Amino acid sequence: MLNLISLYWAICRLRATPQMMPAVNSLLVYTVMISIIVDTLASSLFNTGKSMLELGILVSLYNILMLLAVYFLLAIVGYRQRALQTLIALAGSDLMISLVLLPGLFIVSLSEKGIQSFVMFILIDYVWRIAVMAHIFRYSFSVGLMMAMILSVSYAIFGMFVSDFLVAPQAG
């Protein structure tokens, strides 16, 4: 277990590659489930009007859609065999970054300068996540750094669209 956590952390520090991940289906399921719980907790710090169950469902749908997008993109370009390790690396790095940033997010939520602090916090969060995703995509798709950054930023933008779609008010 400590080796796995160390491996996730190494990916977040750009010191390990997705190919180093064990290709085990249950590991992906467990990692995604724990990541969903942590992300739901983080979302609850700033979201008013939604229950934990509603947030959990939204976070679950978001994570599943995002991971499916990567899976299908890998399949389209002929790297389906790399999908499991890539998805585990993405889910594990997301989990580790969320765990590292969760205490700061909690402090920001209590701050009187919440909005200003929150914007800076989100900026740091996005820059780190984009860098880690680019690192993962570079090895998973066998592309150069520039193409990996384009994929990573595109993935982040797609995530914003998915998030907006899921949270958009439902008509009548």
N, C-alpha and C. Protein backbone atom coordinates (compact mmCIF):
# COMPACT_ATOMS: atom_id res chain seq x y z
N MET A 1 0.82 -1.19 0.00
CA MET A 1 0.00 0.00 0.00
C MET A 1 0.87 1.26 0.00
N LEU A 2 1.90 1.28 0.84
CA LEU A 2 2.79 2.44 0.87
C LEU A 2 3.54 2.61 -0.44
N ASN A 3 3.87 1.49 -1.09
CA ASN A 3 4.53 1.58 -2.39
C ASN A 3 3.62 2.24 -3.42
N LEU A 4 2.35 1.92 -3.37
CA LEU A 4 1.38 2.49 -4.30
C LEU A 4 1.21 3.99 -4.05
N ILE A 5 1.08 4.37 -2.79
CA ILE A 5 0.96 5.79 -2.45
C ILE A 5 2.22 6.54 -2.89
N SER A 6 3.36 5.92 -2.66
CA SER A 6 4.63 6.52 -3.08
C SER A 6 4.69 6.68 -4.60
N LEU A 7 4.16 5.71 -5.30
CA LEU A 7 4.13 5.77 -6.76
C LEU A 7 3.20 6.88 -7.25
N TYR A 8 2.02 6.99 -6.63
CA TYR A 8 1.11 8.09 -6.99
C TYR A 8 1.78 9.45 -6.74
N TRP A 9 2.45 9.56 -5.62
CA TRP A 9 3.11 10.81 -5.27
C TRP A 9 4.26 11.10 -6.24
N ALA A 10 4.97 10.07 -6.66
CA ALA A 10 6.05 10.25 -7.64
C ALA A 10 5.50 10.75 -8.97
N ILE A 11 4.34 10.27 -9.36
CA ILE A 11 3.72 10.77 -10.60
C ILE A 11 3.36 12.25 -10.43
N CYS A 12 2.85 12.63 -9.28
CA CYS A 12 2.49 14.03 -9.02
C CYS A 12 3.72 14.94 -9.03
N ARG A 13 4.87 14.37 -8.75
CA ARG A 13 6.13 15.14 -8.78
C ARG A 13 6.87 14.93 -10.10
N LEU A 14 6.22 14.28 -11.06
CA LEU A 14 6.76 14.03 -12.40
C LEU A 14 8.01 13.15 -12.36
N ARG A 15 8.08 12.25 -11.39
CA ARG A 15 9.23 11.37 -11.22
C ARG A 15 8.94 9.92 -11.64
N ALA A 16 7.70 9.60 -11.88
CA ALA A 16 7.31 8.25 -12.32
C ALA A 16 6.41 8.37 -13.53
N THR A 17 6.29 7.29 -14.27
CA THR A 17 5.46 7.29 -15.47
C THR A 17 4.28 6.34 -15.29
N PRO A 18 3.25 6.50 -16.13
CA PRO A 18 2.08 5.62 -16.00
C PRO A 18 2.41 4.14 -16.20
N GLN A 19 3.45 3.85 -16.97
CA GLN A 19 3.82 2.47 -17.21
C GLN A 19 4.29 1.76 -15.93
N MET A 20 4.62 2.52 -14.92
CA MET A 20 5.07 1.94 -13.64
C MET A 20 3.89 1.48 -12.79
N MET A 21 2.68 1.87 -13.17
CA MET A 21 1.48 1.48 -12.42
C MET A 21 1.15 0.01 -12.66
N PRO A 22 0.73 -0.68 -11.61
CA PRO A 22 0.27 -2.06 -11.83
C PRO A 22 -1.04 -2.04 -12.62
N ALA A 23 -1.16 -2.90 -13.60
CA ALA A 23 -2.36 -2.95 -14.44
C ALA A 23 -3.38 -3.90 -13.82
N VAL A 24 -4.10 -3.40 -12.81
CA VAL A 24 -5.06 -4.20 -12.06
C VAL A 24 -6.41 -3.47 -12.06
N ASN A 25 -7.44 -4.12 -12.59
CA ASN A 25 -8.76 -3.48 -12.67
C ASN A 25 -9.27 -3.02 -11.31
N SER A 26 -9.11 -3.84 -10.29
CA SER A 26 -9.64 -3.48 -8.97
C SER A 26 -8.93 -2.24 -8.41
N LEU A 27 -7.65 -2.06 -8.74
CA LEU A 27 -6.93 -0.87 -8.30
C LEU A 27 -7.55 0.39 -8.89
N LEU A 28 -7.93 0.33 -10.16
CA LEU A 28 -8.60 1.46 -10.77
C LEU A 28 -9.92 1.76 -10.06
N VAL A 29 -10.71 0.74 -9.80
CA VAL A 29 -12.00 0.93 -9.14
C VAL A 29 -11.82 1.54 -7.76
N TYR A 30 -10.91 0.99 -6.97
CA TYR A 30 -10.69 1.50 -5.61
C TYR A 30 -10.16 2.94 -5.63
N THR A 31 -9.24 3.20 -6.53
CA THR A 31 -8.66 4.54 -6.61
C THR A 31 -9.72 5.56 -7.01
N VAL A 32 -10.53 5.22 -8.00
CA VAL A 32 -11.59 6.13 -8.43
C VAL A 32 -12.61 6.35 -7.31
N MET A 33 -12.96 5.29 -6.60
CA MET A 33 -13.93 5.43 -5.51
C MET A 33 -13.40 6.34 -4.40
N ILE A 34 -12.16 6.16 -4.00
CA ILE A 34 -11.59 7.01 -2.96
C ILE A 34 -11.46 8.44 -3.46
N SER A 35 -11.07 8.61 -4.71
CA SER A 35 -10.96 9.94 -5.30
C SER A 35 -12.32 10.65 -5.32
N ILE A 36 -13.37 9.91 -5.63
CA ILE A 36 -14.72 10.48 -5.65
C ILE A 36 -15.11 10.95 -4.25
N ILE A 37 -14.80 10.16 -3.24
CA ILE A 37 -15.13 10.55 -1.86
C ILE A 37 -14.39 11.82 -1.47
N VAL A 38 -13.10 11.89 -1.77
CA VAL A 38 -12.30 13.07 -1.41
C VAL A 38 -12.79 14.29 -2.19
N ASP A 39 -13.04 14.13 -3.49
CA ASP A 39 -13.51 15.26 -4.30
C ASP A 39 -14.91 15.71 -3.88
N THR A 40 -15.75 14.80 -3.44
CA THR A 40 -17.08 15.18 -2.94
C THR A 40 -16.93 16.00 -1.67
N LEU A 41 -16.05 15.59 -0.80
CA LEU A 41 -15.79 16.35 0.42
C LEU A 41 -15.28 17.74 0.10
N ALA A 42 -14.34 17.82 -0.83
CA ALA A 42 -13.80 19.13 -1.24
C ALA A 42 -14.89 20.00 -1.86
N SER A 43 -15.74 19.41 -2.68
CA SER A 43 -16.83 20.17 -3.31
C SER A 43 -17.82 20.67 -2.28
N SER A 44 -18.02 19.92 -1.23
CA SER A 44 -19.01 20.32 -0.22
C SER A 44 -18.56 21.54 0.57
N LEU A 45 -17.27 21.85 0.56
CA LEU A 45 -16.77 23.01 1.30
C LEU A 45 -17.28 24.32 0.72
N PHE A 46 -17.56 24.34 -0.59
CA PHE A 46 -17.97 25.58 -1.24
C PHE A 46 -19.34 25.52 -1.87
N ASN A 47 -19.94 24.39 -1.94
CA ASN A 47 -21.21 24.26 -2.62
C ASN A 47 -22.36 24.37 -1.62
N THR A 48 -23.20 25.34 -1.83
CA THR A 48 -24.39 25.45 -1.00
C THR A 48 -25.59 25.05 -1.84
N GLY A 49 -26.52 24.36 -1.23
CA GLY A 49 -27.73 23.99 -1.93
C GLY A 49 -27.75 22.57 -2.47
N LYS A 50 -26.65 21.85 -2.38
CA LYS A 50 -26.63 20.47 -2.85
C LYS A 50 -26.26 19.57 -1.68
N SER A 51 -26.96 18.45 -1.60
CA SER A 51 -26.66 17.49 -0.54
C SER A 51 -25.38 16.73 -0.89
N MET A 52 -24.83 16.04 0.10
CA MET A 52 -23.63 15.24 -0.15
C MET A 52 -23.91 14.15 -1.19
N LEU A 53 -25.12 13.59 -1.16
CA LEU A 53 -25.49 12.57 -2.13
C LEU A 53 -25.49 13.16 -3.54
N GLU A 54 -26.11 14.34 -3.71
CA GLU A 54 -26.13 14.98 -5.02
C GLU A 54 -24.71 15.29 -5.50
N LEU A 55 -23.89 15.82 -4.59
CA LEU A 55 -22.51 16.11 -4.96
C LEU A 55 -21.76 14.84 -5.33
N GLY A 56 -21.98 13.78 -4.56
CA GLY A 56 -21.33 12.50 -4.85
C GLY A 56 -21.70 11.97 -6.22
N ILE A 57 -22.97 12.10 -6.58
CA ILE A 57 -23.42 11.65 -7.90
C ILE A 57 -22.78 12.49 -9.00
N LEU A 58 -22.76 13.82 -8.81
CA LEU A 58 -22.15 14.70 -9.81
C LEU A 58 -20.66 14.42 -9.97
N VAL A 59 -19.96 14.27 -8.86
CA VAL A 59 -18.53 14.00 -8.91
C VAL A 59 -18.28 12.63 -9.56
N SER A 60 -19.11 11.65 -9.25
CA SER A 60 -18.97 10.32 -9.86
C SER A 60 -19.15 10.39 -11.37
N LEU A 61 -20.21 11.05 -11.80
CA LEU A 61 -20.46 11.18 -13.25
C LEU A 61 -19.31 11.91 -13.94
N TYR A 62 -18.84 12.97 -13.31
CA TYR A 62 -17.73 13.74 -13.87
C TYR A 62 -16.51 12.85 -14.05
N ASN A 63 -16.12 12.15 -12.99
CA ASN A 63 -14.93 11.29 -13.06
C ASN A 63 -15.08 10.19 -14.10
N ILE A 64 -16.23 9.57 -14.15
CA ILE A 64 -16.46 8.49 -15.12
C ILE A 64 -16.38 9.02 -16.54
N LEU A 65 -17.02 10.16 -16.81
CA LEU A 65 -16.98 10.73 -18.16
C LEU A 65 -15.57 11.12 -18.57
N MET A 66 -14.82 11.69 -17.64
CA MET A 66 -13.46 12.12 -17.97
C MET A 66 -12.55 10.91 -18.24
N LEU A 67 -12.68 9.88 -17.43
CA LEU A 67 -11.85 8.69 -17.64
C LEU A 67 -12.26 7.95 -18.92
N LEU A 68 -13.55 7.92 -19.20
CA LEU A 68 -14.00 7.31 -20.46
C LEU A 68 -13.45 8.05 -21.67
N ALA A 69 -13.39 9.37 -21.58
CA ALA A 69 -12.85 10.17 -22.69
C ALA A 69 -11.40 9.78 -22.97
N VAL A 70 -10.61 9.62 -21.93
CA VAL A 70 -9.20 9.23 -22.11
C VAL A 70 -9.13 7.81 -22.67
N TYR A 71 -9.95 6.92 -22.14
CA TYR A 71 -9.96 5.54 -22.62
C TYR A 71 -10.26 5.49 -24.13
N PHE A 72 -11.31 6.20 -24.54
CA PHE A 72 -11.68 6.18 -25.96
C PHE A 72 -10.63 6.85 -26.83
N LEU A 73 -10.01 7.91 -26.34
CA LEU A 73 -8.95 8.56 -27.10
C LEU A 73 -7.74 7.63 -27.27
N LEU A 74 -7.38 6.94 -26.21
CA LEU A 74 -6.29 5.96 -26.32
C LEU A 74 -6.67 4.84 -27.31
N ALA A 75 -7.91 4.39 -27.27
CA ALA A 75 -8.36 3.34 -28.18
C ALA A 75 -8.33 3.83 -29.63
N ILE A 76 -8.73 5.07 -29.84
CA ILE A 76 -8.76 5.63 -31.20
C ILE A 76 -7.36 5.69 -31.80
N VAL A 77 -6.38 6.08 -30.99
CA VAL A 77 -5.02 6.21 -31.52
C VAL A 77 -4.22 4.91 -31.45
N GLY A 78 -4.86 3.83 -31.02
CA GLY A 78 -4.23 2.52 -31.05
C GLY A 78 -3.43 2.14 -29.82
N TYR A 79 -3.68 2.79 -28.70
CA TYR A 79 -2.96 2.48 -27.46
C TYR A 79 -3.90 1.96 -26.37
N ARG A 80 -4.88 1.17 -26.75
CA ARG A 80 -5.83 0.64 -25.78
C ARG A 80 -5.14 -0.16 -24.68
N GLN A 81 -4.05 -0.83 -25.00
CA GLN A 81 -3.35 -1.64 -24.00
C GLN A 81 -2.75 -0.78 -22.89
N ARG A 82 -2.58 0.51 -23.13
CA ARG A 82 -2.04 1.42 -22.11
C ARG A 82 -3.14 2.05 -21.26
N ALA A 83 -4.37 1.80 -21.60
CA ALA A 83 -5.49 2.52 -20.97
C ALA A 83 -5.57 2.27 -19.46
N LEU A 84 -5.48 1.05 -19.02
CA LEU A 84 -5.67 0.76 -17.60
C LEU A 84 -4.62 1.48 -16.75
N GLN A 85 -3.36 1.38 -17.13
CA GLN A 85 -2.31 2.06 -16.37
C GLN A 85 -2.45 3.58 -16.44
N THR A 86 -2.86 4.09 -17.58
CA THR A 86 -3.07 5.53 -17.72
C THR A 86 -4.20 6.00 -16.82
N LEU A 87 -5.31 5.28 -16.83
CA LEU A 87 -6.46 5.67 -16.00
C LEU A 87 -6.12 5.58 -14.52
N ILE A 88 -5.36 4.58 -14.13
CA ILE A 88 -4.94 4.46 -12.73
C ILE A 88 -4.02 5.63 -12.37
N ALA A 89 -3.11 5.98 -13.26
CA ALA A 89 -2.21 7.11 -13.01
C ALA A 89 -3.00 8.41 -12.89
N LEU A 90 -3.97 8.61 -13.77
CA LEU A 90 -4.79 9.83 -13.70
C LEU A 90 -5.60 9.89 -12.41
N ALA A 91 -6.27 8.79 -12.08
CA ALA A 91 -7.10 8.76 -10.88
C ALA A 91 -6.23 8.88 -9.62
N GLY A 92 -5.10 8.21 -9.60
CA GLY A 92 -4.22 8.26 -8.43
C GLY A 92 -3.60 9.63 -8.23
N SER A 93 -3.17 10.25 -9.32
CA SER A 93 -2.59 11.60 -9.19
C SER A 93 -3.67 12.60 -8.79
N ASP A 94 -4.87 12.46 -9.32
CA ASP A 94 -5.98 13.33 -8.92
C ASP A 94 -6.25 13.17 -7.42
N LEU A 95 -6.25 11.96 -6.96
CA LEU A 95 -6.47 11.69 -5.54
C LEU A 95 -5.38 12.33 -4.68
N MET A 96 -4.13 12.14 -5.05
CA MET A 96 -3.03 12.69 -4.26
C MET A 96 -3.05 14.21 -4.25
N ILE A 97 -3.28 14.82 -5.39
CA ILE A 97 -3.32 16.29 -5.44
C ILE A 97 -4.48 16.79 -4.59
N SER A 98 -5.62 16.14 -4.69
CA SER A 98 -6.77 16.55 -3.87
C SER A 98 -6.47 16.42 -2.39
N LEU A 99 -5.82 15.33 -1.99
CA LEU A 99 -5.49 15.14 -0.57
C LEU A 99 -4.50 16.19 -0.08
N VAL A 100 -3.53 16.53 -0.92
CA VAL A 100 -2.54 17.53 -0.54
C VAL A 100 -3.19 18.91 -0.41
N LEU A 101 -4.09 19.22 -1.32
CA LEU A 101 -4.69 20.55 -1.34
C LEU A 101 -5.93 20.69 -0.45
N LEU A 102 -6.49 19.58 0.03
CA LEU A 102 -7.71 19.62 0.84
C LEU A 102 -7.58 20.48 2.10
N PRO A 103 -6.51 20.35 2.88
CA PRO A 103 -6.41 21.22 4.07
C PRO A 103 -6.39 22.70 3.71
N GLY A 104 -5.66 23.05 2.66
CA GLY A 104 -5.64 24.44 2.22
C GLY A 104 -7.00 24.91 1.74
N LEU A 105 -7.71 24.05 1.05
CA LEU A 105 -9.05 24.38 0.59
C LEU A 105 -9.98 24.62 1.77
N PHE A 106 -9.83 23.82 2.81
CA PHE A 106 -10.64 24.00 4.02
C PHE A 106 -10.33 25.35 4.67
N ILE A 107 -9.06 25.70 4.76
CA ILE A 107 -8.67 26.99 5.34
C ILE A 107 -9.20 28.14 4.49
N VAL A 108 -9.11 28.02 3.18
CA VAL A 108 -9.62 29.06 2.28
C VAL A 108 -11.13 29.23 2.46
N SER A 109 -11.83 28.11 2.67
CA SER A 109 -13.29 28.20 2.83
C SER A 109 -13.67 28.95 4.09
N LEU A 110 -12.80 28.98 5.07
CA LEU A 110 -13.06 29.70 6.33
C LEU A 110 -12.56 31.13 6.30
N SER A 111 -11.76 31.47 5.31
CA SER A 111 -11.12 32.78 5.23
C SER A 111 -12.13 33.87 4.91
N GLU A 112 -11.86 35.07 5.47
CA GLU A 112 -12.71 36.23 5.16
C GLU A 112 -12.46 36.70 3.73
N LYS A 113 -11.26 36.50 3.24
CA LYS A 113 -10.95 36.85 1.86
C LYS A 113 -11.11 35.61 0.98
N GLY A 114 -12.19 34.90 1.20
CA GLY A 114 -12.42 33.61 0.56
C GLY A 114 -12.33 33.63 -0.94
N ILE A 115 -12.96 34.59 -1.60
CA ILE A 115 -12.98 34.60 -3.07
C ILE A 115 -11.58 34.83 -3.64
N GLN A 116 -10.86 35.81 -3.10
CA GLN A 116 -9.51 36.07 -3.60
C GLN A 116 -8.60 34.87 -3.36
N SER A 117 -8.67 34.33 -2.18
CA SER A 117 -7.85 33.16 -1.85
C SER A 117 -8.27 31.96 -2.69
N PHE A 118 -9.56 31.81 -2.90
CA PHE A 118 -10.08 30.68 -3.66
C PHE A 118 -9.59 30.73 -5.10
N VAL A 119 -9.58 31.91 -5.71
CA VAL A 119 -9.13 32.05 -7.10
C VAL A 119 -7.66 31.65 -7.21
N MET A 120 -6.84 32.11 -6.28
CA MET A 120 -5.42 31.74 -6.31
C MET A 120 -5.24 30.25 -6.08
N PHE A 121 -6.03 29.71 -5.18
CA PHE A 121 -5.97 28.29 -4.87
C PHE A 121 -6.33 27.45 -6.10
N ILE A 122 -7.40 27.85 -6.79
CA ILE A 122 -7.83 27.13 -7.99
C ILE A 122 -6.77 27.23 -9.09
N LEU A 123 -6.13 28.37 -9.21
CA LEU A 123 -5.07 28.55 -10.20
C LEU A 123 -3.91 27.58 -9.93
N ILE A 124 -3.48 27.51 -8.69
CA ILE A 124 -2.40 26.58 -8.32
C ILE A 124 -2.83 25.15 -8.60
N ASP A 125 -4.05 24.82 -8.22
CA ASP A 125 -4.59 23.48 -8.44
C ASP A 125 -4.57 23.12 -9.92
N TYR A 126 -5.07 24.01 -10.77
CA TYR A 126 -5.14 23.72 -12.21
C TYR A 126 -3.75 23.60 -12.83
N VAL A 127 -2.83 24.47 -12.46
CA VAL A 127 -1.49 24.41 -13.03
C VAL A 127 -0.83 23.08 -12.68
N TRP A 128 -0.96 22.67 -11.43
CA TRP A 128 -0.35 21.39 -11.01
C TRP A 128 -1.00 20.23 -11.74
N ARG A 129 -2.34 20.21 -11.78
CA ARG A 129 -3.03 19.11 -12.44
C ARG A 129 -2.70 19.04 -13.94
N ILE A 130 -2.63 20.19 -14.60
CA ILE A 130 -2.31 20.20 -16.03
C ILE A 130 -0.89 19.69 -16.26
N ALA A 131 0.04 20.09 -15.41
CA ALA A 131 1.42 19.60 -15.56
C ALA A 131 1.49 18.09 -15.37
N VAL A 132 0.78 17.57 -14.37
CA VAL A 132 0.79 16.13 -14.12
C VAL A 132 0.10 15.39 -15.27
N MET A 133 -1.03 15.91 -15.73
CA MET A 133 -1.71 15.26 -16.86
C MET A 133 -0.83 15.26 -18.10
N ALA A 134 -0.14 16.36 -18.36
CA ALA A 134 0.76 16.41 -19.53
C ALA A 134 1.85 15.35 -19.39
N HIS A 135 2.37 15.20 -18.19
CA HIS A 135 3.39 14.18 -17.95
C HIS A 135 2.84 12.78 -18.24
N ILE A 136 1.65 12.51 -17.75
CA ILE A 136 1.01 11.20 -17.98
C ILE A 136 0.71 11.01 -19.46
N PHE A 137 0.12 12.01 -20.10
CA PHE A 137 -0.24 11.91 -21.52
C PHE A 137 1.00 11.75 -22.41
N ARG A 138 2.09 12.38 -22.02
CA ARG A 138 3.31 12.30 -22.81
C ARG A 138 3.75 10.84 -22.99
N TYR A 139 3.68 10.10 -21.90
CA TYR A 139 4.10 8.69 -21.96
C TYR A 139 2.99 7.78 -22.47
N SER A 140 1.75 8.08 -22.14
CA SER A 140 0.64 7.21 -22.55
C SER A 140 0.38 7.27 -24.05
N PHE A 141 0.52 8.47 -24.62
CA PHE A 141 0.24 8.65 -26.05
C PHE A 141 1.52 8.65 -26.90
N SER A 142 2.68 8.53 -26.24
CA SER A 142 3.98 8.57 -26.94
C SER A 142 4.10 9.81 -27.83
N VAL A 143 3.92 10.96 -27.19
CA VAL A 143 3.99 12.23 -27.90
C VAL A 143 5.02 13.12 -27.21
N GLY A 144 5.36 14.21 -27.88
CA GLY A 144 6.28 15.18 -27.30
C GLY A 144 5.60 16.01 -26.23
N LEU A 145 6.41 16.81 -25.55
CA LEU A 145 5.91 17.61 -24.45
C LEU A 145 4.85 18.62 -24.91
N MET A 146 5.06 19.27 -26.05
CA MET A 146 4.10 20.27 -26.53
C MET A 146 2.74 19.63 -26.82
N MET A 147 2.73 18.50 -27.49
CA MET A 147 1.47 17.81 -27.78
C MET A 147 0.83 17.33 -26.48
N ALA A 148 1.63 16.88 -25.54
CA ALA A 148 1.10 16.44 -24.24
C ALA A 148 0.44 17.62 -23.52
N MET A 149 1.05 18.79 -23.60
CA MET A 149 0.46 19.99 -22.97
C MET A 149 -0.86 20.35 -23.66
N ILE A 150 -0.89 20.26 -24.97
CA ILE A 150 -2.14 20.54 -25.71
C ILE A 150 -3.22 19.56 -25.29
N LEU A 151 -2.88 18.29 -25.20
CA LEU A 151 -3.85 17.28 -24.74
C LEU A 151 -4.31 17.58 -23.32
N SER A 152 -3.38 17.95 -22.47
CA SER A 152 -3.69 18.22 -21.07
C SER A 152 -4.61 19.42 -20.92
N VAL A 153 -4.30 20.49 -21.60
CA VAL A 153 -5.16 21.69 -21.54
C VAL A 153 -6.52 21.40 -22.16
N SER A 154 -6.53 20.65 -23.25
CA SER A 154 -7.81 20.27 -23.88
C SER A 154 -8.64 19.42 -22.93
N TYR A 155 -7.99 18.52 -22.23
CA TYR A 155 -8.67 17.67 -21.24
C TYR A 155 -9.26 18.53 -20.12
N ALA A 156 -8.50 19.53 -19.66
CA ALA A 156 -8.99 20.42 -18.60
C ALA A 156 -10.19 21.25 -19.10
N ILE A 157 -10.11 21.74 -20.31
CA ILE A 157 -11.23 22.51 -20.88
C ILE A 157 -12.45 21.61 -21.05
N PHE A 158 -12.24 20.39 -21.55
CA PHE A 158 -13.33 19.44 -21.67
C PHE A 158 -13.95 19.18 -20.30
N GLY A 159 -13.12 19.08 -19.28
CA GLY A 159 -13.61 18.89 -17.91
C GLY A 159 -14.49 20.04 -17.46
N MET A 160 -14.14 21.26 -17.84
CA MET A 160 -14.98 22.42 -17.50
C MET A 160 -16.34 22.32 -18.18
N PHE A 161 -16.35 21.91 -19.44
CA PHE A 161 -17.62 21.75 -20.15
C PHE A 161 -18.47 20.65 -19.52
N VAL A 162 -17.84 19.54 -19.19
CA VAL A 162 -18.57 18.45 -18.54
C VAL A 162 -19.14 18.92 -17.20
N SER A 163 -18.33 19.64 -16.44
CA SER A 163 -18.77 20.15 -15.15
C SER A 163 -19.95 21.11 -15.32
N ASP A 164 -19.84 22.03 -16.27
CA ASP A 164 -20.94 22.96 -16.52
C ASP A 164 -22.20 22.23 -16.94
N PHE A 165 -22.06 21.21 -17.76
CA PHE A 165 -23.20 20.43 -18.22
C PHE A 165 -23.87 19.71 -17.05
N LEU A 166 -23.07 19.12 -16.18
CA LEU A 166 -23.62 18.37 -15.07
C LEU A 166 -24.29 19.26 -14.01
N VAL A 167 -23.75 20.45 -13.83
CA VAL A 167 -24.25 21.33 -12.77
C VAL A 167 -25.31 22.30 -13.29
N ALA A 168 -25.48 22.38 -14.60
CA ALA A 168 -26.46 23.32 -15.17
C ALA A 168 -27.85 23.05 -14.59
N PRO A 169 -28.60 24.12 -14.33
CA PRO A 169 -29.96 23.94 -13.78
C PRO A 169 -30.82 23.16 -14.77
N GLN A 170 -31.55 22.22 -14.20
CA GLN A 170 -32.42 21.40 -15.03
C GLN A 170 -33.74 22.13 -15.28
N ALA A 171 -34.22 22.08 -16.51
CA ALA A 171 -35.48 22.73 -16.85
C ALA A 171 -36.65 21.97 -16.26
N GLY A 172 -37.60 22.76 -15.77
CA GLY A 172 -38.83 22.38 -15.22
C GLY A 172 -39.21 21.12 -14.72
